[in-house]
Amino acid sequence: MAPINTSGVTENSVCEASLTEAQQKAIGVWDAKPVSGKGEFSCYFSMTPDENNPAGYVVSVFKNEDALLETADGTDPSPTKAVPITVKGRGAARQVMYGDDWRASLTVDIGAGQFLFVERYSPPHVVSEPDLNAQAHKVAEQVLANLEKGGAKGV
């Protein structure tokens, strides 16, 4: 499978490249905030203004494995074991984290040493583990389709 060209994805474009406005509306996005780190560009799609009970999605494009491995979570989560799956024919790993919030994440190999990371997070006991996994998977498929087309807005 051909690598996805993410050269046009920047901190300023990552939100628009990931999900169209219609896709954001469909999953209940309240606010989209781009951030960047060492070798990755991320967008936080928040579904609520309540910072004490955050819910939403994180979509990150990692330029290489080192950038992916440098990402650390400052919370004290209890992770489940990663499960190998495929997303739109691409190799991926699915994992659920329990802690102050619940997170279902997918790390997808998008070729050329790059990775897509999609995480659905929610306050504990609000969304079931199967639903968290299904929602993360659906958004990952949408983001992959958009990135394959050069971004949701043709970035």
N, C-alpha and C. Protein backbone atom coordinates (compact mmCIF):
# COMPACT_ATOMS: atom_id res chain seq x y z
N MET A 1 0.85 -1.18 0.00
CA MET A 1 0.00 0.00 0.00
C MET A 1 0.89 1.24 0.00
N ALA A 2 0.53 2.20 -0.81
CA ALA A 2 1.34 3.41 -0.97
C ALA A 2 1.33 4.26 0.29
N PRO A 3 2.48 4.85 0.62
CA PRO A 3 2.51 5.76 1.77
C PRO A 3 1.63 6.97 1.52
N ILE A 4 1.10 7.53 2.59
CA ILE A 4 0.30 8.75 2.48
C ILE A 4 1.24 9.94 2.57
N ASN A 5 1.10 10.86 1.64
CA ASN A 5 1.92 12.06 1.63
C ASN A 5 1.36 13.05 2.65
N THR A 6 2.12 13.29 3.72
CA THR A 6 1.67 14.23 4.75
C THR A 6 2.51 15.50 4.75
N SER A 7 3.24 15.74 3.68
CA SER A 7 4.14 16.90 3.65
C SER A 7 3.38 18.22 3.79
N GLY A 8 2.11 18.25 3.40
CA GLY A 8 1.32 19.47 3.51
C GLY A 8 0.68 19.67 4.87
N VAL A 9 0.82 18.67 5.76
CA VAL A 9 0.20 18.78 7.08
C VAL A 9 1.13 19.55 8.02
N THR A 10 0.64 20.67 8.53
CA THR A 10 1.39 21.51 9.46
C THR A 10 0.54 21.75 10.70
N GLU A 11 1.10 22.45 11.68
CA GLU A 11 0.31 22.77 12.86
C GLU A 11 -0.92 23.59 12.46
N ASN A 12 -0.77 24.48 11.49
CA ASN A 12 -1.88 25.33 11.08
C ASN A 12 -2.94 24.59 10.27
N SER A 13 -2.56 23.46 9.65
CA SER A 13 -3.52 22.77 8.78
C SER A 13 -3.99 21.41 9.30
N VAL A 14 -3.42 20.93 10.39
CA VAL A 14 -3.72 19.56 10.82
C VAL A 14 -5.20 19.34 11.11
N CYS A 15 -5.88 20.29 11.70
CA CYS A 15 -7.31 20.11 12.01
C CYS A 15 -8.12 20.00 10.73
N GLU A 16 -7.88 20.94 9.80
CA GLU A 16 -8.62 20.95 8.55
C GLU A 16 -8.27 19.76 7.67
N ALA A 17 -7.02 19.30 7.74
CA ALA A 17 -6.60 18.15 6.93
C ALA A 17 -7.20 16.85 7.46
N SER A 18 -7.49 16.81 8.77
CA SER A 18 -7.96 15.57 9.41
C SER A 18 -9.44 15.31 9.17
N LEU A 19 -10.28 16.28 9.51
CA LEU A 19 -11.73 16.09 9.44
C LEU A 19 -12.39 17.32 8.81
N THR A 20 -13.33 17.08 7.92
CA THR A 20 -14.08 18.18 7.32
C THR A 20 -14.99 18.80 8.40
N GLU A 21 -15.50 19.99 8.12
CA GLU A 21 -16.43 20.63 9.06
C GLU A 21 -17.65 19.75 9.28
N ALA A 22 -18.15 19.12 8.22
CA ALA A 22 -19.31 18.23 8.34
C ALA A 22 -18.99 17.03 9.22
N GLN A 23 -17.79 16.45 9.06
CA GLN A 23 -17.39 15.31 9.89
C GLN A 23 -17.25 15.74 11.35
N GLN A 24 -16.68 16.93 11.58
CA GLN A 24 -16.55 17.44 12.94
C GLN A 24 -17.93 17.62 13.58
N LYS A 25 -18.85 18.18 12.83
CA LYS A 25 -20.21 18.41 13.33
C LYS A 25 -20.87 17.08 13.67
N ALA A 26 -20.67 16.07 12.81
CA ALA A 26 -21.30 14.76 12.99
C ALA A 26 -20.86 14.07 14.29
N ILE A 27 -19.61 14.33 14.73
CA ILE A 27 -19.15 13.69 15.97
C ILE A 27 -19.28 14.62 17.17
N GLY A 28 -19.83 15.81 16.95
CA GLY A 28 -20.11 16.72 18.07
C GLY A 28 -18.94 17.56 18.52
N VAL A 29 -18.07 17.96 17.60
CA VAL A 29 -16.92 18.78 17.97
C VAL A 29 -17.39 20.18 18.37
N TRP A 30 -16.93 20.61 19.53
CA TRP A 30 -17.23 21.94 20.04
C TRP A 30 -16.12 22.92 19.66
N ASP A 31 -14.86 22.43 19.70
CA ASP A 31 -13.71 23.27 19.41
C ASP A 31 -12.58 22.40 18.87
N ALA A 32 -11.84 22.91 17.90
CA ALA A 32 -10.67 22.21 17.35
C ALA A 32 -9.44 23.06 17.59
N LYS A 33 -8.43 22.46 18.23
CA LYS A 33 -7.24 23.22 18.59
C LYS A 33 -5.99 22.49 18.10
N PRO A 34 -5.22 23.12 17.19
CA PRO A 34 -4.00 22.48 16.71
C PRO A 34 -2.83 22.70 17.68
N VAL A 35 -1.96 21.70 17.76
CA VAL A 35 -0.73 21.80 18.54
C VAL A 35 0.36 21.04 17.79
N SER A 36 1.61 21.33 18.11
CA SER A 36 2.69 20.56 17.51
C SER A 36 3.70 20.21 18.58
N GLY A 37 4.48 19.18 18.29
CA GLY A 37 5.50 18.73 19.23
C GLY A 37 6.78 18.45 18.46
N LYS A 38 7.57 17.55 18.96
CA LYS A 38 8.82 17.19 18.29
C LYS A 38 8.53 16.12 17.24
N GLY A 39 8.24 16.55 16.04
CA GLY A 39 8.02 15.59 14.97
C GLY A 39 6.57 15.19 14.79
N GLU A 40 5.62 15.87 15.45
CA GLU A 40 4.23 15.54 15.21
C GLU A 40 3.38 16.80 15.20
N PHE A 41 2.26 16.67 14.50
CA PHE A 41 1.24 17.72 14.48
C PHE A 41 -0.05 17.07 14.96
N SER A 42 -0.72 17.72 15.90
CA SER A 42 -1.93 17.14 16.48
C SER A 42 -3.06 18.14 16.45
N CYS A 43 -4.28 17.60 16.48
CA CYS A 43 -5.46 18.44 16.64
C CYS A 43 -6.30 17.82 17.75
N TYR A 44 -6.66 18.66 18.71
CA TYR A 44 -7.57 18.25 19.77
C TYR A 44 -8.97 18.68 19.36
N PHE A 45 -9.84 17.71 19.13
CA PHE A 45 -11.24 17.97 18.79
C PHE A 45 -12.05 17.79 20.06
N SER A 46 -12.30 18.88 20.76
CA SER A 46 -13.02 18.81 22.02
C SER A 46 -14.52 18.79 21.76
N MET A 47 -15.23 17.96 22.53
CA MET A 47 -16.67 17.85 22.38
C MET A 47 -17.41 18.61 23.48
N THR A 48 -16.68 19.28 24.37
CA THR A 48 -17.32 19.99 25.47
C THR A 48 -16.41 21.12 25.96
N PRO A 49 -16.99 22.21 26.44
CA PRO A 49 -16.17 23.26 27.04
C PRO A 49 -15.79 22.94 28.50
N ASP A 50 -16.31 21.84 29.04
CA ASP A 50 -16.07 21.46 30.44
C ASP A 50 -14.69 20.83 30.59
N GLU A 51 -13.72 21.63 31.05
CA GLU A 51 -12.34 21.12 31.17
C GLU A 51 -12.18 20.13 32.32
N ASN A 52 -13.14 20.07 33.25
CA ASN A 52 -13.07 19.11 34.34
C ASN A 52 -13.54 17.73 33.91
N ASN A 53 -14.30 17.65 32.84
CA ASN A 53 -14.78 16.38 32.31
C ASN A 53 -14.57 16.36 30.80
N PRO A 54 -13.30 16.35 30.37
CA PRO A 54 -13.03 16.46 28.95
C PRO A 54 -13.51 15.23 28.16
N ALA A 55 -13.96 15.49 26.94
CA ALA A 55 -14.36 14.43 26.03
C ALA A 55 -14.05 14.90 24.62
N GLY A 56 -13.61 13.98 23.79
CA GLY A 56 -13.33 14.34 22.41
C GLY A 56 -12.37 13.38 21.75
N TYR A 57 -11.61 13.93 20.81
CA TYR A 57 -10.67 13.14 20.00
C TYR A 57 -9.34 13.88 19.90
N VAL A 58 -8.28 13.11 19.75
CA VAL A 58 -6.97 13.65 19.40
C VAL A 58 -6.57 12.95 18.10
N VAL A 59 -6.16 13.74 17.12
CA VAL A 59 -5.64 13.20 15.87
C VAL A 59 -4.22 13.73 15.71
N SER A 60 -3.25 12.83 15.58
CA SER A 60 -1.85 13.24 15.43
C SER A 60 -1.23 12.56 14.23
N VAL A 61 -0.41 13.31 13.51
CA VAL A 61 0.40 12.77 12.42
C VAL A 61 1.84 12.82 12.90
N PHE A 62 2.46 11.65 13.02
CA PHE A 62 3.85 11.54 13.45
C PHE A 62 4.72 11.32 12.23
N LYS A 63 5.75 12.15 12.09
CA LYS A 63 6.62 12.10 10.92
C LYS A 63 7.55 10.89 10.94
N ASN A 64 7.78 10.32 12.13
CA ASN A 64 8.66 9.16 12.21
C ASN A 64 8.44 8.42 13.53
N GLU A 65 9.05 7.24 13.64
CA GLU A 65 8.89 6.40 14.83
C GLU A 65 9.45 7.06 16.08
N ASP A 66 10.57 7.77 15.95
CA ASP A 66 11.16 8.44 17.13
C ASP A 66 10.18 9.44 17.73
N ALA A 67 9.50 10.21 16.89
CA ALA A 67 8.52 11.18 17.39
C ALA A 67 7.39 10.47 18.10
N LEU A 68 6.94 9.35 17.55
CA LEU A 68 5.87 8.58 18.18
C LEU A 68 6.30 8.05 19.54
N LEU A 69 7.51 7.56 19.63
CA LEU A 69 7.99 6.98 20.88
C LEU A 69 8.29 8.01 21.95
N GLU A 70 8.54 9.26 21.55
CA GLU A 70 8.83 10.30 22.53
C GLU A 70 7.58 10.82 23.22
N THR A 71 6.41 10.49 22.68
CA THR A 71 5.16 10.97 23.25
C THR A 71 4.87 10.20 24.53
N ALA A 72 4.73 10.93 25.63
CA ALA A 72 4.44 10.30 26.91
C ALA A 72 3.22 10.97 27.54
N ASP A 73 2.43 10.18 28.22
CA ASP A 73 1.24 10.70 28.89
C ASP A 73 1.60 10.95 30.35
N GLY A 74 1.28 12.13 30.85
CA GLY A 74 1.64 12.49 32.22
C GLY A 74 0.68 11.93 33.27
N THR A 75 -0.38 11.26 32.83
CA THR A 75 -1.33 10.70 33.80
C THR A 75 -0.84 9.33 34.26
N ASP A 76 -1.60 8.69 35.10
CA ASP A 76 -1.25 7.37 35.58
C ASP A 76 -2.27 6.36 35.07
N PRO A 77 -2.27 6.10 33.76
CA PRO A 77 -3.29 5.23 33.20
C PRO A 77 -2.97 3.76 33.41
N SER A 78 -3.99 2.95 33.30
CA SER A 78 -3.83 1.51 33.34
C SER A 78 -4.16 0.99 31.95
N PRO A 79 -3.14 0.68 31.15
CA PRO A 79 -3.41 0.30 29.76
C PRO A 79 -3.80 -1.16 29.60
N THR A 80 -4.64 -1.41 28.62
CA THR A 80 -4.86 -2.78 28.19
C THR A 80 -3.75 -3.11 27.19
N LYS A 81 -3.61 -4.38 26.87
CA LYS A 81 -2.60 -4.76 25.89
C LYS A 81 -3.02 -4.27 24.51
N ALA A 82 -2.05 -3.90 23.70
CA ALA A 82 -2.33 -3.47 22.34
C ALA A 82 -2.79 -4.66 21.51
N VAL A 83 -3.79 -4.43 20.66
CA VAL A 83 -4.35 -5.47 19.81
C VAL A 83 -4.08 -5.10 18.36
N PRO A 84 -3.45 -6.00 17.58
CA PRO A 84 -3.21 -5.67 16.17
C PRO A 84 -4.51 -5.74 15.38
N ILE A 85 -4.76 -4.70 14.58
CA ILE A 85 -5.94 -4.67 13.72
C ILE A 85 -5.53 -3.99 12.41
N THR A 86 -6.47 -3.87 11.49
CA THR A 86 -6.24 -3.09 10.27
C THR A 86 -7.30 -1.99 10.19
N VAL A 87 -6.89 -0.86 9.63
CA VAL A 87 -7.79 0.26 9.39
C VAL A 87 -7.62 0.62 7.92
N LYS A 88 -8.68 0.46 7.15
CA LYS A 88 -8.61 0.71 5.70
C LYS A 88 -7.44 -0.02 5.06
N GLY A 89 -7.20 -1.27 5.48
CA GLY A 89 -6.16 -2.09 4.90
C GLY A 89 -4.76 -1.83 5.41
N ARG A 90 -4.61 -0.89 6.35
CA ARG A 90 -3.29 -0.56 6.89
C ARG A 90 -3.12 -1.19 8.28
N GLY A 91 -1.91 -1.65 8.56
CA GLY A 91 -1.60 -2.23 9.86
C GLY A 91 -1.76 -1.20 10.97
N ALA A 92 -2.36 -1.62 12.08
CA ALA A 92 -2.61 -0.69 13.18
C ALA A 92 -2.58 -1.45 14.49
N ALA A 93 -2.54 -0.69 15.59
CA ALA A 93 -2.64 -1.27 16.93
C ALA A 93 -3.71 -0.49 17.68
N ARG A 94 -4.59 -1.23 18.38
CA ARG A 94 -5.65 -0.61 19.17
C ARG A 94 -5.34 -0.85 20.64
N GLN A 95 -5.57 0.17 21.46
CA GLN A 95 -5.31 0.04 22.88
C GLN A 95 -6.31 0.91 23.66
N VAL A 96 -6.70 0.43 24.84
CA VAL A 96 -7.59 1.19 25.71
C VAL A 96 -6.83 1.50 27.00
N MET A 97 -7.01 2.73 27.49
CA MET A 97 -6.39 3.16 28.74
C MET A 97 -7.48 3.54 29.73
N TYR A 98 -7.32 3.06 30.95
CA TYR A 98 -8.23 3.42 32.03
C TYR A 98 -7.49 4.26 33.04
N GLY A 99 -8.14 5.24 33.60
CA GLY A 99 -7.52 6.11 34.59
C GLY A 99 -8.48 7.24 34.91
N ASP A 100 -7.93 8.46 35.04
CA ASP A 100 -8.79 9.62 35.30
C ASP A 100 -9.79 9.83 34.18
N ASP A 101 -9.42 9.42 32.97
CA ASP A 101 -10.37 9.36 31.88
C ASP A 101 -10.13 8.06 31.13
N TRP A 102 -11.05 7.71 30.26
CA TRP A 102 -10.91 6.50 29.45
C TRP A 102 -10.54 6.91 28.04
N ARG A 103 -9.63 6.14 27.44
CA ARG A 103 -9.16 6.46 26.09
C ARG A 103 -9.06 5.20 25.26
N ALA A 104 -9.56 5.29 24.05
CA ALA A 104 -9.36 4.24 23.06
C ALA A 104 -8.50 4.85 21.97
N SER A 105 -7.36 4.23 21.70
CA SER A 105 -6.46 4.80 20.70
C SER A 105 -6.13 3.79 19.62
N LEU A 106 -5.84 4.34 18.45
CA LEU A 106 -5.38 3.57 17.31
C LEU A 106 -4.12 4.22 16.78
N THR A 107 -3.10 3.41 16.57
CA THR A 107 -1.88 3.88 15.93
C THR A 107 -1.80 3.15 14.60
N VAL A 108 -1.81 3.92 13.51
CA VAL A 108 -1.88 3.34 12.17
C VAL A 108 -0.59 3.65 11.41
N ASP A 109 -0.01 2.63 10.79
CA ASP A 109 1.17 2.81 9.94
C ASP A 109 0.70 3.38 8.61
N ILE A 110 1.10 4.63 8.31
CA ILE A 110 0.65 5.25 7.05
C ILE A 110 1.77 5.27 6.00
N GLY A 111 2.83 4.49 6.26
CA GLY A 111 3.88 4.32 5.27
C GLY A 111 5.00 5.34 5.39
N ALA A 112 6.11 5.03 4.79
CA ALA A 112 7.30 5.89 4.78
C ALA A 112 7.74 6.25 6.20
N GLY A 113 7.53 5.33 7.15
CA GLY A 113 7.96 5.55 8.54
C GLY A 113 7.06 6.48 9.32
N GLN A 114 5.91 6.88 8.76
CA GLN A 114 5.00 7.81 9.43
C GLN A 114 3.86 7.05 10.11
N PHE A 115 3.23 7.71 11.09
CA PHE A 115 2.13 7.09 11.81
C PHE A 115 1.01 8.09 12.04
N LEU A 116 -0.21 7.57 11.99
CA LEU A 116 -1.39 8.34 12.37
C LEU A 116 -1.84 7.81 13.72
N PHE A 117 -2.11 8.70 14.65
CA PHE A 117 -2.59 8.33 15.98
C PHE A 117 -3.95 9.00 16.17
N VAL A 118 -4.96 8.19 16.48
CA VAL A 118 -6.30 8.71 16.75
C VAL A 118 -6.74 8.18 18.10
N GLU A 119 -7.19 9.10 18.94
CA GLU A 119 -7.61 8.70 20.28
C GLU A 119 -8.98 9.31 20.58
N ARG A 120 -9.86 8.51 21.13
CA ARG A 120 -11.16 8.99 21.61
C ARG A 120 -11.07 8.96 23.13
N TYR A 121 -11.32 10.12 23.78
CA TYR A 121 -11.24 10.16 25.23
C TYR A 121 -12.56 10.63 25.82
N SER A 122 -12.81 10.19 27.05
CA SER A 122 -14.09 10.47 27.69
C SER A 122 -13.91 10.36 29.20
N PRO A 123 -14.76 11.03 29.98
CA PRO A 123 -14.74 10.77 31.42
C PRO A 123 -15.03 9.29 31.67
N PRO A 124 -14.56 8.72 32.77
CA PRO A 124 -14.77 7.29 33.02
C PRO A 124 -16.26 6.94 33.13
N HIS A 125 -16.59 5.76 32.65
CA HIS A 125 -17.93 5.17 32.75
C HIS A 125 -19.01 5.92 31.97
N VAL A 126 -18.62 6.85 31.09
CA VAL A 126 -19.61 7.59 30.29
C VAL A 126 -19.84 6.88 28.96
N VAL A 127 -18.76 6.40 28.35
CA VAL A 127 -18.83 5.68 27.08
C VAL A 127 -18.22 4.30 27.30
N SER A 128 -18.88 3.26 26.82
CA SER A 128 -18.37 1.90 27.02
C SER A 128 -17.11 1.66 26.19
N GLU A 129 -16.31 0.68 26.61
CA GLU A 129 -15.09 0.35 25.88
C GLU A 129 -15.38 -0.01 24.42
N PRO A 130 -16.40 -0.85 24.12
CA PRO A 130 -16.67 -1.13 22.70
C PRO A 130 -17.04 0.13 21.91
N ASP A 131 -17.82 1.03 22.53
CA ASP A 131 -18.19 2.25 21.83
C ASP A 131 -16.98 3.17 21.62
N LEU A 132 -16.11 3.29 22.64
CA LEU A 132 -14.89 4.09 22.48
C LEU A 132 -14.07 3.56 21.31
N ASN A 133 -13.88 2.23 21.28
CA ASN A 133 -13.11 1.61 20.20
C ASN A 133 -13.75 1.86 18.84
N ALA A 134 -15.06 1.70 18.76
CA ALA A 134 -15.77 1.88 17.49
C ALA A 134 -15.69 3.33 17.02
N GLN A 135 -15.83 4.28 17.95
CA GLN A 135 -15.77 5.69 17.59
C GLN A 135 -14.37 6.08 17.12
N ALA A 136 -13.34 5.59 17.81
CA ALA A 136 -11.95 5.87 17.40
C ALA A 136 -11.69 5.29 16.01
N HIS A 137 -12.18 4.07 15.78
CA HIS A 137 -11.97 3.40 14.50
C HIS A 137 -12.65 4.18 13.36
N LYS A 138 -13.87 4.62 13.60
CA LYS A 138 -14.61 5.36 12.56
C LYS A 138 -13.88 6.65 12.21
N VAL A 139 -13.44 7.39 13.21
CA VAL A 139 -12.74 8.65 12.95
C VAL A 139 -11.40 8.37 12.26
N ALA A 140 -10.70 7.31 12.66
CA ALA A 140 -9.43 6.97 12.00
C ALA A 140 -9.66 6.69 10.52
N GLU A 141 -10.74 5.98 10.19
CA GLU A 141 -11.05 5.72 8.78
C GLU A 141 -11.33 7.02 8.03
N GLN A 142 -12.07 7.94 8.66
CA GLN A 142 -12.36 9.22 8.00
C GLN A 142 -11.08 10.02 7.78
N VAL A 143 -10.22 10.08 8.81
CA VAL A 143 -8.98 10.84 8.69
C VAL A 143 -8.08 10.23 7.61
N LEU A 144 -7.96 8.90 7.60
CA LEU A 144 -7.15 8.25 6.56
C LEU A 144 -7.68 8.58 5.17
N ALA A 145 -8.98 8.50 4.99
CA ALA A 145 -9.57 8.81 3.68
C ALA A 145 -9.27 10.25 3.29
N ASN A 146 -9.38 11.17 4.25
CA ASN A 146 -9.11 12.58 3.95
C ASN A 146 -7.64 12.80 3.63
N LEU A 147 -6.73 12.20 4.41
CA LEU A 147 -5.30 12.35 4.16
C LEU A 147 -4.91 11.75 2.81
N GLU A 148 -5.52 10.63 2.44
CA GLU A 148 -5.23 10.00 1.15
C GLU A 148 -5.60 10.92 -0.01
N LYS A 149 -6.62 11.77 0.21
CA LYS A 149 -7.06 12.73 -0.83
C LYS A 149 -6.26 14.02 -0.75
N GLY A 150 -5.27 14.09 0.13
CA GLY A 150 -4.50 15.31 0.27
C GLY A 150 -5.04 16.23 1.34
N GLY A 151 -5.87 15.67 2.22
CA GLY A 151 -6.43 16.47 3.32
C GLY A 151 -7.90 16.76 3.08
N ALA A 152 -8.63 16.95 4.17
CA ALA A 152 -10.07 17.18 4.09
C ALA A 152 -10.39 18.40 3.23
N LYS A 153 -9.47 19.36 3.20
CA LYS A 153 -9.68 20.56 2.37
C LYS A 153 -8.64 20.61 1.24
N GLY A 154 -8.09 19.44 0.90
CA GLY A 154 -7.09 19.41 -0.17
C GLY A 154 -5.82 20.14 0.20
N VAL A 155 -5.40 20.01 1.46
CA VAL A 155 -4.22 20.72 1.96
C VAL A 155 -3.00 20.30 1.16
